[in-house]
Amino acid sequence: MCIIRPYIASGVASVLAYCINGGWFDRVMTIIEMFIGG
């Protein structure tokens, strides 16, 4: 859960997610960030 909040506030969490999940989660976050506009 501590990953979800930061990714909304900053793309830095995308890097964190990449390190934790190996990359697939980073793709998901990138798409979501596009929808959010951040």
N, C-alpha and C. Protein backbone atom coordinates (compact mmCIF):
# COMPACT_ATOMS: atom_id res chain seq x y z
N MET A 1 0.83 -1.20 0.00
CA MET A 1 0.00 0.00 0.00
C MET A 1 0.86 1.26 0.00
N CYS A 2 2.00 1.18 0.63
CA CYS A 2 2.84 2.36 0.74
C CYS A 2 3.41 2.76 -0.62
N ILE A 3 3.19 1.91 -1.64
CA ILE A 3 3.66 2.26 -2.98
C ILE A 3 2.59 3.08 -3.71
N ILE A 4 1.32 2.78 -3.44
CA ILE A 4 0.22 3.39 -4.19
C ILE A 4 0.15 4.90 -3.96
N ARG A 5 0.26 5.36 -2.72
CA ARG A 5 0.16 6.78 -2.44
C ARG A 5 1.25 7.61 -3.11
N PRO A 6 2.53 7.22 -2.96
CA PRO A 6 3.62 8.00 -3.56
C PRO A 6 3.52 8.09 -5.08
N TYR A 7 3.06 7.02 -5.73
CA TYR A 7 3.05 7.04 -7.20
C TYR A 7 2.07 8.07 -7.70
N ILE A 8 1.03 8.36 -6.91
CA ILE A 8 0.07 9.39 -7.30
C ILE A 8 0.72 10.76 -7.17
N ALA A 9 1.54 10.92 -6.15
CA ALA A 9 2.14 12.22 -5.88
C ALA A 9 3.37 12.45 -6.74
N SER A 10 4.08 11.38 -7.09
CA SER A 10 5.32 11.55 -7.83
C SER A 10 5.68 10.30 -8.62
N GLY A 11 6.33 10.50 -9.77
CA GLY A 11 6.74 9.37 -10.59
C GLY A 11 7.90 8.61 -9.99
N VAL A 12 8.47 9.13 -8.91
CA VAL A 12 9.60 8.46 -8.27
C VAL A 12 9.22 7.05 -7.85
N ALA A 13 7.97 6.88 -7.45
CA ALA A 13 7.51 5.56 -7.01
C ALA A 13 7.54 4.55 -8.14
N SER A 14 7.50 5.05 -9.38
CA SER A 14 7.59 4.14 -10.52
C SER A 14 8.94 3.42 -10.50
N VAL A 15 9.98 4.15 -10.12
CA VAL A 15 11.30 3.55 -10.00
C VAL A 15 11.31 2.56 -8.85
N LEU A 16 10.67 2.94 -7.75
CA LEU A 16 10.60 2.06 -6.59
C LEU A 16 9.85 0.79 -6.95
N ALA A 17 8.73 0.96 -7.66
CA ALA A 17 7.94 -0.20 -8.06
C ALA A 17 8.74 -1.11 -8.98
N TYR A 18 9.57 -0.52 -9.82
CA TYR A 18 10.39 -1.31 -10.74
C TYR A 18 11.36 -2.19 -9.96
N CYS A 19 11.95 -1.62 -8.93
CA CYS A 19 12.92 -2.37 -8.13
C CYS A 19 12.23 -3.50 -7.37
N ILE A 20 11.00 -3.24 -6.92
CA ILE A 20 10.29 -4.22 -6.09
C ILE A 20 9.68 -5.33 -6.94
N ASN A 21 9.04 -4.96 -8.04
CA ASN A 21 8.26 -5.93 -8.80
C ASN A 21 8.94 -6.39 -10.08
N GLY A 22 10.09 -5.82 -10.39
CA GLY A 22 10.85 -6.31 -11.53
C GLY A 22 10.48 -5.67 -12.85
N GLY A 23 9.60 -4.67 -12.84
CA GLY A 23 9.36 -3.94 -14.08
C GLY A 23 7.91 -3.95 -14.55
N TRP A 24 7.19 -5.05 -14.36
CA TRP A 24 5.82 -5.10 -14.89
C TRP A 24 4.94 -4.08 -14.20
N PHE A 25 5.16 -3.88 -12.91
CA PHE A 25 4.35 -2.94 -12.15
C PHE A 25 4.62 -1.51 -12.60
N ASP A 26 5.86 -1.27 -13.03
CA ASP A 26 6.24 0.06 -13.52
C ASP A 26 5.43 0.41 -14.76
N ARG A 27 5.19 -0.57 -15.60
CA ARG A 27 4.38 -0.32 -16.79
C ARG A 27 2.96 0.06 -16.41
N VAL A 28 2.41 -0.67 -15.45
CA VAL A 28 1.05 -0.38 -14.99
C VAL A 28 0.97 1.03 -14.44
N MET A 29 1.94 1.40 -13.63
CA MET A 29 1.95 2.74 -13.04
C MET A 29 2.07 3.80 -14.11
N THR A 30 2.88 3.57 -15.12
CA THR A 30 3.04 4.54 -16.19
C THR A 30 1.72 4.79 -16.88
N ILE A 31 0.96 3.74 -17.12
CA ILE A 31 -0.34 3.88 -17.76
C ILE A 31 -1.29 4.65 -16.86
N ILE A 32 -1.30 4.31 -15.58
CA ILE A 32 -2.19 4.99 -14.64
C ILE A 32 -1.82 6.46 -14.53
N GLU A 33 -0.54 6.76 -14.51
CA GLU A 33 -0.09 8.14 -14.42
C GLU A 33 -0.56 8.93 -15.63
N MET A 34 -0.62 8.28 -16.79
CA MET A 34 -1.11 8.95 -17.99
C MET A 34 -2.58 9.33 -17.81
N PHE A 35 -3.36 8.43 -17.22
CA PHE A 35 -4.77 8.71 -16.98
C PHE A 35 -4.93 9.86 -15.99
N ILE A 36 -4.11 9.84 -14.95
CA ILE A 36 -4.18 10.88 -13.92
C ILE A 36 -3.68 12.21 -14.48
N GLY A 37 -2.71 12.14 -15.36
CA GLY A 37 -2.17 13.36 -15.95
C GLY A 37 -0.92 13.83 -15.24
N GLY A 38 -0.30 12.96 -14.45
CA GLY A 38 0.88 13.36 -13.72
C GLY A 38 2.05 12.53 -14.10
